[in-house]
Amino acid sequence: MPAKSMYRASFLKHGKVYEMYCGDVNSTSMWGFVELSGLVFDSRDAVVVDPVEERMRDEFEGVESLFLPLHSVLSIERVNKRGQAVIRDRESGEKVTPFPLSPPGNKRS
């Protein structure tokens, strides 16, 4: 029995590039949108918690389907296994950390 397909979708949201995994991708009856459903995240009972994955899980909590405007979609790829979900800076491509690197009020010189 073949394994169920999984997709890696990269898209723009609020000036950042989101890369996440889902179980299904469909065109919609809403012209100009693509639907991602069955969003896939690591289980919450893992020993090591990825803060980016946790942020995305919280952001998309309760979302059954994500409807993305076609112009925000960068790529959708069918993959054999799930990788790490990431949020990248749109300009530099560097990974974005979901928490400040220095405490508030402490400015680096």
PDB file of N, CA and C in Angstrom:
ATOM      1  N   MET A   1       0.849  -1.187   0.000  1.00  0.00           N
ATOM      2  CA  MET A   1       0.000   0.000   0.000  1.00  0.00           C
ATOM      3  C   MET A   1       0.889   1.244   0.000  1.00  0.00           C
ATOM      4  N   PRO A   2       0.731   2.141  -0.961  1.00  0.00           N
ATOM      5  CA  PRO A   2       1.582   3.329  -1.017  1.00  0.00           C
ATOM      6  C   PRO A   2       1.291   4.273   0.141  1.00  0.00           C
ATOM      7  N   ALA A   3       2.355   4.959   0.590  1.00  0.00           N
ATOM      8  CA  ALA A   3       2.208   5.931   1.676  1.00  0.00           C
ATOM      9  C   ALA A   3       1.399   7.125   1.192  1.00  0.00           C
ATOM     10  N   LYS A   4       0.672   7.732   2.116  1.00  0.00           N
ATOM     11  CA  LYS A   4      -0.119   8.917   1.786  1.00  0.00           C
ATOM     12  C   LYS A   4       0.818  10.063   1.422  1.00  0.00           C
ATOM     13  N   SER A   5       0.444  10.835   0.424  1.00  0.00           N
ATOM     14  CA  SER A   5       1.268  11.962  -0.010  1.00  0.00           C
ATOM     15  C   SER A   5       1.351  13.028   1.066  1.00  0.00           C
ATOM     16  N   MET A   6       2.486  13.700   1.090  1.00  0.00           N
ATOM     17  CA  MET A   6       2.686  14.844   1.963  1.00  0.00           C
ATOM     18  C   MET A   6       3.291  15.940   1.103  1.00  0.00           C
ATOM     19  N   TYR A   7       2.945  17.177   1.401  1.00  0.00           N
ATOM     20  CA  TYR A   7       3.399  18.308   0.608  1.00  0.00           C
ATOM     21  C   TYR A   7       4.129  19.324   1.480  1.00  0.00           C
ATOM     22  N   ARG A   8       5.187  19.913   0.904  1.00  0.00           N
ATOM     23  CA  ARG A   8       5.889  21.029   1.537  1.00  0.00           C
ATOM     24  C   ARG A   8       5.476  22.277   0.758  1.00  0.00           C
ATOM     25  N   ALA A   9       4.864  23.220   1.457  1.00  0.00           N
ATOM     26  CA  ALA A   9       4.394  24.452   0.818  1.00  0.00           C
ATOM     27  C   ALA A   9       5.201  25.634   1.346  1.00  0.00           C
ATOM     28  N   SER A  10       5.673  26.466   0.444  1.00  0.00           N
ATOM     29  CA  SER A  10       6.369  27.706   0.800  1.00  0.00           C
ATOM     30  C   SER A  10       5.527  28.863   0.309  1.00  0.00           C
ATOM     31  N   PHE A  11       5.275  29.815   1.207  1.00  0.00           N
ATOM     32  CA  PHE A  11       4.436  30.948   0.844  1.00  0.00           C
ATOM     33  C   PHE A  11       4.814  32.178   1.656  1.00  0.00           C
ATOM     34  N   LEU A  12       4.429  33.346   1.137  1.00  0.00           N
ATOM     35  CA  LEU A  12       4.688  34.614   1.815  1.00  0.00           C
ATOM     36  C   LEU A  12       3.529  34.964   2.730  1.00  0.00           C
ATOM     37  N   LYS A  13       3.870  35.407   3.945  1.00  0.00           N
ATOM     38  CA  LYS A  13       2.854  35.851   4.893  1.00  0.00           C
ATOM     39  C   LYS A  13       3.482  36.909   5.781  1.00  0.00           C
ATOM     40  N   HIS A  14       2.924  38.108   5.780  1.00  0.00           N
ATOM     41  CA  HIS A  14       3.394  39.225   6.612  1.00  0.00           C
ATOM     42  C   HIS A  14       4.895  39.487   6.438  1.00  0.00           C
ATOM     43  N   GLY A  15       5.370  39.437   5.198  1.00  0.00           N
ATOM     44  CA  GLY A  15       6.765  39.756   4.914  1.00  0.00           C
ATOM     45  C   GLY A  15       7.755  38.648   5.235  1.00  0.00           C
ATOM     46  N   LYS A  16       7.269  37.481   5.614  1.00  0.00           N
ATOM     47  CA  LYS A  16       8.123  36.336   5.923  1.00  0.00           C
ATOM     48  C   LYS A  16       7.781  35.184   4.981  1.00  0.00           C
ATOM     49  N   VAL A  17       8.737  34.283   4.786  1.00  0.00           N
ATOM     50  CA  VAL A  17       8.506  33.088   3.990  1.00  0.00           C
ATOM     51  C   VAL A  17       8.248  31.930   4.952  1.00  0.00           C
ATOM     52  N   TYR A  18       7.059  31.371   4.884  1.00  0.00           N
ATOM     53  CA  TYR A  18       6.686  30.228   5.706  1.00  0.00           C
ATOM     54  C   TYR A  18       6.891  28.968   4.875  1.00  0.00           C
ATOM     55  N   GLU A  19       7.470  27.951   5.499  1.00  0.00           N
ATOM     56  CA  GLU A  19       7.620  26.656   4.858  1.00  0.00           C
ATOM     57  C   GLU A  19       7.036  25.625   5.813  1.00  0.00           C
ATOM     58  N   MET A  20       5.923  25.013   5.404  1.00  0.00           N
ATOM     59  CA  MET A  20       5.251  24.065   6.280  1.00  0.00           C
ATOM     60  C   MET A  20       4.748  22.872   5.496  1.00  0.00           C
ATOM     61  N   TYR A  21       4.269  21.884   6.221  1.00  0.00           N
ATOM     62  CA  TYR A  21       3.863  20.612   5.619  1.00  0.00           C
ATOM     63  C   TYR A  21       2.365  20.393   5.802  1.00  0.00           C
ATOM     64  N   CYS A  22       1.771  19.744   4.801  1.00  0.00           N
ATOM     65  CA  CYS A  22       0.340  19.455   4.857  1.00  0.00           C
ATOM     66  C   CYS A  22       0.065  18.142   4.129  1.00  0.00           C
ATOM     67  N   GLY A  23      -1.123  17.606   4.378  1.00  0.00           N
ATOM     68  CA  GLY A  23      -1.497  16.333   3.783  1.00  0.00           C
ATOM     69  C   GLY A  23      -2.207  16.454   2.456  1.00  0.00           C
ATOM     70  N   ASP A  24      -2.765  17.634   2.163  1.00  0.00           N
ATOM     71  CA  ASP A  24      -3.551  17.762   0.943  1.00  0.00           C
ATOM     72  C   ASP A  24      -3.475  19.177   0.391  1.00  0.00           C
ATOM     73  N   VAL A  25      -3.406  19.282  -0.929  1.00  0.00           N
ATOM     74  CA  VAL A  25      -3.399  20.564  -1.645  1.00  0.00           C
ATOM     75  C   VAL A  25      -4.460  20.490  -2.726  1.00  0.00           C
ATOM     76  N   ASN A  26      -5.323  21.506  -2.793  1.00  0.00           N
ATOM     77  CA  ASN A  26      -6.398  21.513  -3.788  1.00  0.00           C
ATOM     78  C   ASN A  26      -6.575  22.899  -4.377  1.00  0.00           C
ATOM     79  N   SER A  27      -7.036  22.932  -5.629  1.00  0.00           N
ATOM     80  CA  SER A  27      -7.503  24.205  -6.171  1.00  0.00           C
ATOM     81  C   SER A  27      -8.899  24.404  -5.581  1.00  0.00           C
ATOM     82  N   THR A  28      -9.359  25.615  -5.515  1.00  0.00           N
ATOM     83  CA  THR A  28     -10.631  25.890  -4.858  1.00  0.00           C
ATOM     84  C   THR A  28     -11.622  26.504  -5.833  1.00  0.00           C
ATOM     85  N   SER A  29     -12.863  26.582  -5.382  1.00  0.00           N
ATOM     86  CA  SER A  29     -13.879  27.260  -6.192  1.00  0.00           C
ATOM     87  C   SER A  29     -13.714  28.777  -6.068  1.00  0.00           C
ATOM     88  N   MET A  30     -12.892  29.221  -5.115  1.00  0.00           N
ATOM     89  CA  MET A  30     -12.579  30.651  -5.005  1.00  0.00           C
ATOM     90  C   MET A  30     -11.434  30.932  -5.969  1.00  0.00           C
ATOM     91  N   TRP A  31     -11.720  31.632  -7.026  1.00  0.00           N
ATOM     92  CA  TRP A  31     -10.735  31.898  -8.062  1.00  0.00           C
ATOM     93  C   TRP A  31      -9.519  32.605  -7.474  1.00  0.00           C
ATOM     94  N   GLY A  32      -8.326  32.118  -7.792  1.00  0.00           N
ATOM     95  CA  GLY A  32      -7.088  32.769  -7.365  1.00  0.00           C
ATOM     96  C   GLY A  32      -6.558  32.282  -6.032  1.00  0.00           C
ATOM     97  N   PHE A  33      -7.115  31.205  -5.482  1.00  0.00           N
ATOM     98  CA  PHE A  33      -6.658  30.678  -4.201  1.00  0.00           C
ATOM     99  C   PHE A  33      -6.324  29.200  -4.322  1.00  0.00           C
ATOM    100  N   VAL A  34      -5.389  28.747  -3.477  1.00  0.00           N
ATOM    101  CA  VAL A  34      -5.072  27.331  -3.353  1.00  0.00           C
ATOM    102  C   VAL A  34      -5.335  26.950  -1.894  1.00  0.00           C
ATOM    103  N   GLU A  35      -5.832  25.742  -1.685  1.00  0.00           N
ATOM    104  CA  GLU A  35      -6.197  25.288  -0.340  1.00  0.00           C
ATOM    105  C   GLU A  35      -5.196  24.264   0.172  1.00  0.00           C
ATOM    106  N   LEU A  36      -4.658  24.508   1.375  1.00  0.00           N
ATOM    107  CA  LEU A  36      -3.821  23.536   2.077  1.00  0.00           C
ATOM    108  C   LEU A  36      -4.652  23.011   3.236  1.00  0.00           C
ATOM    109  N   SER A  37      -4.730  21.696   3.376  1.00  0.00           N
ATOM    110  CA  SER A  37      -5.454  21.125   4.508  1.00  0.00           C
ATOM    111  C   SER A  37      -4.651  19.984   5.105  1.00  0.00           C
ATOM    112  N   GLY A  38      -5.022  19.590   6.302  1.00  0.00           N
ATOM    113  CA  GLY A  38      -4.280  18.547   7.006  1.00  0.00           C
ATOM    114  C   GLY A  38      -2.891  19.016   7.380  1.00  0.00           C
ATOM    115  N   LEU A  39      -2.795  20.230   7.980  1.00  0.00           N
ATOM    116  CA  LEU A  39      -1.495  20.772   8.371  1.00  0.00           C
ATOM    117  C   LEU A  39      -0.809  19.804   9.327  1.00  0.00           C
ATOM    118  N   VAL A  40       0.492  19.584   9.120  1.00  0.00           N
ATOM    119  CA  VAL A  40       1.238  18.589   9.884  1.00  0.00           C
ATOM    120  C   VAL A  40       2.296  19.280  10.731  1.00  0.00           C
ATOM    121  N   PHE A  41       2.260  19.004  12.042  1.00  0.00           N
ATOM    122  CA  PHE A  41       3.249  19.517  12.988  1.00  0.00           C
ATOM    123  C   PHE A  41       3.780  18.360  13.826  1.00  0.00           C
ATOM    124  N   ASP A  42       4.943  18.552  14.464  1.00  0.00           N
ATOM    125  CA  ASP A  42       5.465  17.546  15.390  1.00  0.00           C
ATOM    126  C   ASP A  42       4.501  17.367  16.541  1.00  0.00           C
ATOM    127  N   SER A  43       4.563  16.209  17.167  1.00  0.00           N
ATOM    128  CA  SER A  43       3.712  15.983  18.333  1.00  0.00           C
ATOM    129  C   SER A  43       4.201  16.843  19.491  1.00  0.00           C
ATOM    130  N   ARG A  44       3.283  17.241  20.346  1.00  0.00           N
ATOM    131  CA  ARG A  44       3.621  18.103  21.484  1.00  0.00           C
ATOM    132  C   ARG A  44       4.382  17.368  22.581  1.00  0.00           C
ATOM    133  N   ASP A  45       4.443  16.046  22.520  1.00  0.00           N
ATOM    134  CA  ASP A  45       5.093  15.293  23.585  1.00  0.00           C
ATOM    135  C   ASP A  45       6.573  15.011  23.313  1.00  0.00           C
ATOM    136  N   ALA A  46       7.154  15.694  22.343  1.00  0.00           N
ATOM    137  CA  ALA A  46       8.569  15.501  22.032  1.00  0.00           C
ATOM    138  C   ALA A  46       9.437  16.064  23.157  1.00  0.00           C
ATOM    139  N   VAL A  47      10.606  15.458  23.354  1.00  0.00           N
ATOM    140  CA  VAL A  47      11.528  15.906  24.390  1.00  0.00           C
ATOM    141  C   VAL A  47      12.120  17.265  24.015  1.00  0.00           C
ATOM    142  N   VAL A  48      12.524  17.407  22.766  1.00  0.00           N
ATOM    143  CA  VAL A  48      13.085  18.666  22.286  1.00  0.00           C
ATOM    144  C   VAL A  48      11.996  19.394  21.510  1.00  0.00           C
ATOM    145  N   VAL A  49      11.734  20.647  21.888  1.00  0.00           N
ATOM    146  CA  VAL A  49      10.680  21.436  21.252  1.00  0.00           C
ATOM    147  C   VAL A  49      11.315  22.490  20.352  1.00  0.00           C
ATOM    148  N   ASP A  50      10.904  22.516  19.093  1.00  0.00           N
ATOM    149  CA  ASP A  50      11.372  23.520  18.147  1.00  0.00           C
ATOM    150  C   ASP A  50      10.517  24.770  18.326  1.00  0.00           C
ATOM    151  N   PRO A  51      11.099  25.918  18.726  1.00  0.00           N
ATOM    152  CA  PRO A  51      10.294  27.122  18.980  1.00  0.00           C
ATOM    153  C   PRO A  51       9.574  27.646  17.738  1.00  0.00           C
ATOM    154  N   VAL A  52      10.160  27.474  16.551  1.00  0.00           N
ATOM    155  CA  VAL A  52       9.501  27.930  15.325  1.00  0.00           C
ATOM    156  C   VAL A  52       8.272  27.073  15.055  1.00  0.00           C
ATOM    157  N   GLU A  53       8.435  25.767  15.194  1.00  0.00           N
ATOM    158  CA  GLU A  53       7.315  24.851  14.989  1.00  0.00           C
ATOM    159  C   GLU A  53       6.204  25.137  16.003  1.00  0.00           C
ATOM    160  N   GLU A  54       6.581  25.412  17.242  1.00  0.00           N
ATOM    161  CA  GLU A  54       5.602  25.717  18.289  1.00  0.00           C
ATOM    162  C   GLU A  54       4.848  27.009  17.957  1.00  0.00           C
ATOM    163  N   ARG A  55       5.570  28.003  17.440  1.00  0.00           N
ATOM    164  CA  ARG A  55       4.933  29.265  17.042  1.00  0.00           C
ATOM    165  C   ARG A  55       3.927  29.041  15.914  1.00  0.00           C
ATOM    166  N   MET A  56       4.322  28.230  14.929  1.00  0.00           N
ATOM    167  CA  MET A  56       3.431  27.959  13.805  1.00  0.00           C
ATOM    168  C   MET A  56       2.214  27.147  14.264  1.00  0.00           C
ATOM    169  N   ARG A  57       2.427  26.189  15.150  1.00  0.00           N
ATOM    170  CA  ARG A  57       1.319  25.391  15.669  1.00  0.00           C
ATOM    171  C   ARG A  57       0.313  26.300  16.386  1.00  0.00           C
ATOM    172  N   ASP A  58       0.818  27.236  17.194  1.00  0.00           N
ATOM    173  CA  ASP A  58      -0.069  28.174  17.887  1.00  0.00           C
ATOM    174  C   ASP A  58      -0.780  29.103  16.914  1.00  0.00           C
ATOM    175  N   GLU A  59      -0.058  29.583  15.906  1.00  0.00           N
ATOM    176  CA  GLU A  59      -0.639  30.505  14.921  1.00  0.00           C
ATOM    177  C   GLU A  59      -1.755  29.845  14.110  1.00  0.00           C
ATOM    178  N   PHE A  60      -1.583  28.565  13.781  1.00  0.00           N
ATOM    179  CA  PHE A  60      -2.558  27.875  12.945  1.00  0.00           C
ATOM    180  C   PHE A  60      -3.436  26.900  13.735  1.00  0.00           C
ATOM    181  N   GLU A  61      -3.472  27.058  15.052  1.00  0.00           N
ATOM    182  CA  GLU A  61      -4.294  26.186  15.887  1.00  0.00           C
ATOM    183  C   GLU A  61      -5.771  26.338  15.507  1.00  0.00           C
ATOM    184  N   GLY A  62      -6.430  25.220  15.308  1.00  0.00           N
ATOM    185  CA  GLY A  62      -7.846  25.227  14.955  1.00  0.00           C
ATOM    186  C   GLY A  62      -8.123  25.462  13.477  1.00  0.00           C
ATOM    187  N   VAL A  63      -7.089  25.622  12.658  1.00  0.00           N
ATOM    188  CA  VAL A  63      -7.275  25.861  11.224  1.00  0.00           C
ATOM    189  C   VAL A  63      -7.460  24.519  10.525  1.00  0.00           C
ATOM    190  N   GLU A  64      -8.607  24.335   9.875  1.00  0.00           N
ATOM    191  CA  GLU A  64      -8.857  23.109   9.122  1.00  0.00           C
ATOM    192  C   GLU A  64      -8.275  23.201   7.722  1.00  0.00           C
ATOM    193  N   SER A  65      -8.434  24.357   7.087  1.00  0.00           N
ATOM    194  CA  SER A  65      -7.910  24.592   5.743  1.00  0.00           C
ATOM    195  C   SER A  65      -7.328  25.987   5.680  1.00  0.00           C
ATOM    196  N   LEU A  66      -6.227  26.100   4.990  1.00  0.00           N
ATOM    197  CA  LEU A  66      -5.557  27.382   4.805  1.00  0.00           C
ATOM    198  C   LEU A  66      -5.721  27.759   3.339  1.00  0.00           C
ATOM    199  N   PHE A  67      -6.349  28.891   3.063  1.00  0.00           N
ATOM    200  CA  PHE A  67      -6.570  29.354   1.691  1.00  0.00           C
ATOM    201  C   PHE A  67      -5.549  30.448   1.394  1.00  0.00           C
ATOM    202  N   LEU A  68      -4.670  30.174   0.439  1.00  0.00           N
ATOM    203  CA  LEU A  68      -3.597  31.107   0.104  1.00  0.00           C
ATOM    204  C   LEU A  68      -3.837  31.731  -1.263  1.00  0.00           C
ATOM    205  N   PRO A  69      -3.673  33.058  -1.370  1.00  0.00           N
ATOM    206  CA  PRO A  69      -3.748  33.673  -2.693  1.00  0.00           C
ATOM    207  C   PRO A  69      -2.604  33.128  -3.564  1.00  0.00           C
ATOM    208  N   LEU A  70      -2.897  32.852  -4.818  1.00  0.00           N
ATOM    209  CA  LEU A  70      -1.882  32.271  -5.703  1.00  0.00           C
ATOM    210  C   LEU A  70      -0.606  33.098  -5.768  1.00  0.00           C
ATOM    211  N   HIS A  71      -0.718  34.427  -5.701  1.00  0.00           N
ATOM    212  CA  HIS A  71       0.475  35.264  -5.813  1.00  0.00           C
ATOM    213  C   HIS A  71       1.380  35.162  -4.584  1.00  0.00           C
ATOM    214  N   SER A  72       0.894  34.578  -3.467  1.00  0.00           N
ATOM    215  CA  SER A  72       1.740  34.427  -2.283  1.00  0.00           C
ATOM    216  C   SER A  72       2.446  33.073  -2.240  1.00  0.00           C
ATOM    217  N   VAL A  73       2.032  32.139  -3.083  1.00  0.00           N
ATOM    218  CA  VAL A  73       2.613  30.796  -3.080  1.00  0.00           C
ATOM    219  C   VAL A  73       3.929  30.803  -3.857  1.00  0.00           C
ATOM    220  N   LEU A  74       4.997  30.348  -3.212  1.00  0.00           N
ATOM    221  CA  LEU A  74       6.299  30.268  -3.866  1.00  0.00           C
ATOM    222  C   LEU A  74       6.525  28.896  -4.474  1.00  0.00           C
ATOM    223  N   SER A  75       6.177  27.852  -3.737  1.00  0.00           N
ATOM    224  CA  SER A  75       6.306  26.495  -4.277  1.00  0.00           C
ATOM    225  C   SER A  75       5.477  25.525  -3.451  1.00  0.00           C
ATOM    226  N   ILE A  76       5.066  24.451  -4.105  1.00  0.00           N
ATOM    227  CA  ILE A  76       4.414  23.329  -3.436  1.00  0.00           C
ATOM    228  C   ILE A  76       5.066  22.080  -4.007  1.00  0.00           C
ATOM    229  N   GLU A  77       5.622  21.264  -3.121  1.00  0.00           N
ATOM    230  CA  GLU A  77       6.362  20.079  -3.545  1.00  0.00           C
ATOM    231  C   GLU A  77       5.824  18.840  -2.839  1.00  0.00           C
ATOM    232  N   ARG A  78       5.664  17.760  -3.567  1.00  0.00           N
ATOM    233  CA  ARG A  78       5.290  16.490  -2.932  1.00  0.00           C
ATOM    234  C   ARG A  78       6.577  15.878  -2.390  1.00  0.00           C
ATOM    235  N   VAL A  79       6.565  15.470  -1.122  1.00  0.00           N
ATOM    236  CA  VAL A  79       7.759  14.934  -0.471  1.00  0.00           C
ATOM    237  C   VAL A  79       7.463  13.552   0.104  1.00  0.00           C
ATOM    238  N   ASN A  80       8.514  12.775   0.334  1.00  0.00           N
ATOM    239  CA  ASN A  80       8.370  11.445   0.910  1.00  0.00           C
ATOM    240  C   ASN A  80       8.229  11.464   2.420  1.00  0.00           C
ATOM    241  N   LYS A  81       8.904  12.427   3.059  1.00  0.00           N
ATOM    242  CA  LYS A  81       8.809  12.520   4.516  1.00  0.00           C
ATOM    243  C   LYS A  81       8.854  13.979   4.939  1.00  0.00           C
ATOM    244  N   ARG A  82       8.364  14.197   6.126  1.00  0.00           N
ATOM    245  CA  ARG A  82       8.266  15.538   6.665  1.00  0.00           C
ATOM    246  C   ARG A  82       9.620  16.028   7.140  1.00  0.00           C
ATOM    247  N   GLY A  83       9.908  17.289   6.866  1.00  0.00           N
ATOM    248  CA  GLY A  83      11.123  17.922   7.349  1.00  0.00           C
ATOM    249  C   GLY A  83      10.778  18.949   8.416  1.00  0.00           C
ATOM    250  N   GLN A  84      11.672  19.869   8.625  1.00  0.00           N
ATOM    251  CA  GLN A  84      11.488  20.907   9.638  1.00  0.00           C
ATOM    252  C   GLN A  84      10.700  22.072   9.057  1.00  0.00           C
ATOM    253  N   ALA A  85       9.675  22.510   9.780  1.00  0.00           N
ATOM    254  CA  ALA A  85       8.931  23.708   9.385  1.00  0.00           C
ATOM    255  C   ALA A  85       9.778  24.924   9.754  1.00  0.00           C
ATOM    256  N   VAL A  86       9.838  25.915   8.867  1.00  0.00           N
ATOM    257  CA  VAL A  86      10.668  27.091   9.122  1.00  0.00           C
ATOM    258  C   VAL A  86       9.933  28.365   8.715  1.00  0.00           C
ATOM    259  N   ILE A  87      10.384  29.460   9.301  1.00  0.00           N
ATOM    260  CA  ILE A  87       9.979  30.797   8.885  1.00  0.00           C
ATOM    261  C   ILE A  87      11.271  31.525   8.549  1.00  0.00           C
ATOM    262  N   ARG A  88      11.341  32.089   7.350  1.00  0.00           N
ATOM    263  CA  ARG A  88      12.548  32.767   6.898  1.00  0.00           C
ATOM    264  C   ARG A  88      12.258  34.240   6.614  1.00  0.00           C
ATOM    265  N   ASP A  89      13.301  35.048   6.733  1.00  0.00           N
ATOM    266  CA  ASP A  89      13.208  36.440   6.338  1.00  0.00           C
ATOM    267  C   ASP A  89      13.109  36.487   4.818  1.00  0.00           C
ATOM    268  N   ARG A  90      12.213  37.309   4.333  1.00  0.00           N
ATOM    269  CA  ARG A  90      11.971  37.378   2.882  1.00  0.00           C
ATOM    270  C   ARG A  90      13.195  37.852   2.109  1.00  0.00           C
ATOM    271  N   GLU A  91      13.917  38.815   2.637  1.00  0.00           N
ATOM    272  CA  GLU A  91      15.048  39.405   1.921  1.00  0.00           C
ATOM    273  C   GLU A  91      16.318  38.555   2.029  1.00  0.00           C
ATOM    274  N   SER A  92      16.702  38.188   3.258  1.00  0.00           N
ATOM    275  CA  SER A  92      17.979  37.506   3.458  1.00  0.00           C
ATOM    276  C   SER A  92      17.873  35.994   3.349  1.00  0.00           C
ATOM    277  N   GLY A  93      16.686  35.443   3.583  1.00  0.00           N
ATOM    278  CA  GLY A  93      16.520  33.997   3.561  1.00  0.00           C
ATOM    279  C   GLY A  93      16.936  33.322   4.856  1.00  0.00           C
ATOM    280  N   GLU A  94      17.377  34.121   5.846  1.00  0.00           N
ATOM    281  CA  GLU A  94      17.793  33.553   7.124  1.00  0.00           C
ATOM    282  C   GLU A  94      16.579  33.140   7.941  1.00  0.00           C
ATOM    283  N   LYS A  95      16.755  32.101   8.746  1.00  0.00           N
ATOM    284  CA  LYS A  95      15.676  31.644   9.613  1.00  0.00           C
ATOM    285  C   LYS A  95      15.354  32.714  10.644  1.00  0.00           C
ATOM    286  N   VAL A  96      14.073  32.856  10.940  1.00  0.00           N
ATOM    287  CA  VAL A  96      13.601  33.835  11.909  1.00  0.00           C
ATOM    288  C   VAL A  96      13.408  33.123  13.237  1.00  0.00           C
ATOM    289  N   THR A  97      13.942  33.711  14.305  1.00  0.00           N
ATOM    290  CA  THR A  97      13.717  33.127  15.629  1.00  0.00           C
ATOM    291  C   THR A  97      12.458  33.754  16.216  1.00  0.00           C
ATOM    292  N   PRO A  98      11.615  32.956  16.871  1.00  0.00           N
ATOM    293  CA  PRO A  98      10.355  33.480  17.386  1.00  0.00           C
ATOM    294  C   PRO A  98      10.485  34.213  18.713  1.00  0.00           C
ATOM    295  N   PHE A  99      11.689  34.355  19.219  1.00  0.00           N
ATOM    296  CA  PHE A  99      11.886  35.054  20.485  1.00  0.00           C
ATOM    297  C   PHE A  99      13.082  35.975  20.338  1.00  0.00           C
ATOM    298  N   PRO A 100      13.128  37.075  21.121  1.00  0.00           N
ATOM    299  CA  PRO A 100      14.253  38.004  20.998  1.00  0.00           C
ATOM    300  C   PRO A 100      15.550  37.357  21.476  1.00  0.00           C
ATOM    301  N   LEU A 101      16.646  37.709  20.822  1.00  0.00           N
ATOM    302  CA  LEU A 101      17.938  37.164  21.211  1.00  0.00           C
ATOM    303  C   LEU A 101      18.492  37.851  22.456  1.00  0.00           C
ATOM    304  N   SER A 102      18.092  39.080  22.712  1.00  0.00           N
ATOM    305  CA  SER A 102      18.502  39.766  23.936  1.00  0.00           C
ATOM    306  C   SER A 102      17.259  40.243  24.662  1.00  0.00           C
ATOM    307  N   PRO A 103      17.327  40.328  25.998  1.00  0.00           N
ATOM    308  CA  PRO A 103      16.150  40.762  26.748  1.00  0.00           C
ATOM    309  C   PRO A 103      15.741  42.179  26.370  1.00  0.00           C
ATOM    310  N   PRO A 104      14.439  42.497  26.475  1.00  0.00           N
ATOM    311  CA  PRO A 104      13.990  43.862  26.155  1.00  0.00           C
ATOM    312  C   PRO A 104      14.670  44.883  27.042  1.00  0.00           C
ATOM    313  N   GLY A 105      15.004  46.018  26.466  1.00  0.00           N
ATOM    314  CA  GLY A 105      15.630  47.094  27.227  1.00  0.00           C
ATOM    315  C   GLY A 105      17.144  47.042  27.186  1.00  0.00           C
ATOM    316  N   ASN A 106      17.721  45.892  26.830  1.00  0.00           N
ATOM    317  CA  ASN A 106      19.171  45.773  26.719  1.00  0.00           C
ATOM    318  C   ASN A 106      19.552  45.929  25.260  1.00  0.00           C
ATOM    319  N   LYS A 107      20.050  47.087  24.914  1.00  0.00           N
ATOM    320  CA  LYS A 107      20.436  47.341  23.526  1.00  0.00           C
ATOM    321  C   LYS A 107      21.893  46.967  23.332  1.00  0.00           C
ATOM    322  N   ARG A 108      22.144  46.278  22.245  1.00  0.00           N
ATOM    323  CA  ARG A 108      23.516  45.932  21.902  1.00  0.00           C
ATOM    324  C   ARG A 108      24.165  47.088  21.160  1.00  0.00           C
ATOM    325  N   SER A 109      25.409  47.305  21.427  1.00  0.00           N
ATOM    326  CA  SER A 109      26.124  48.390  20.764  1.00  0.00           C
ATOM    327  C   SER A 109      26.956  47.878  19.636  1.00  0.00           C
TER     328      SER A 109
END
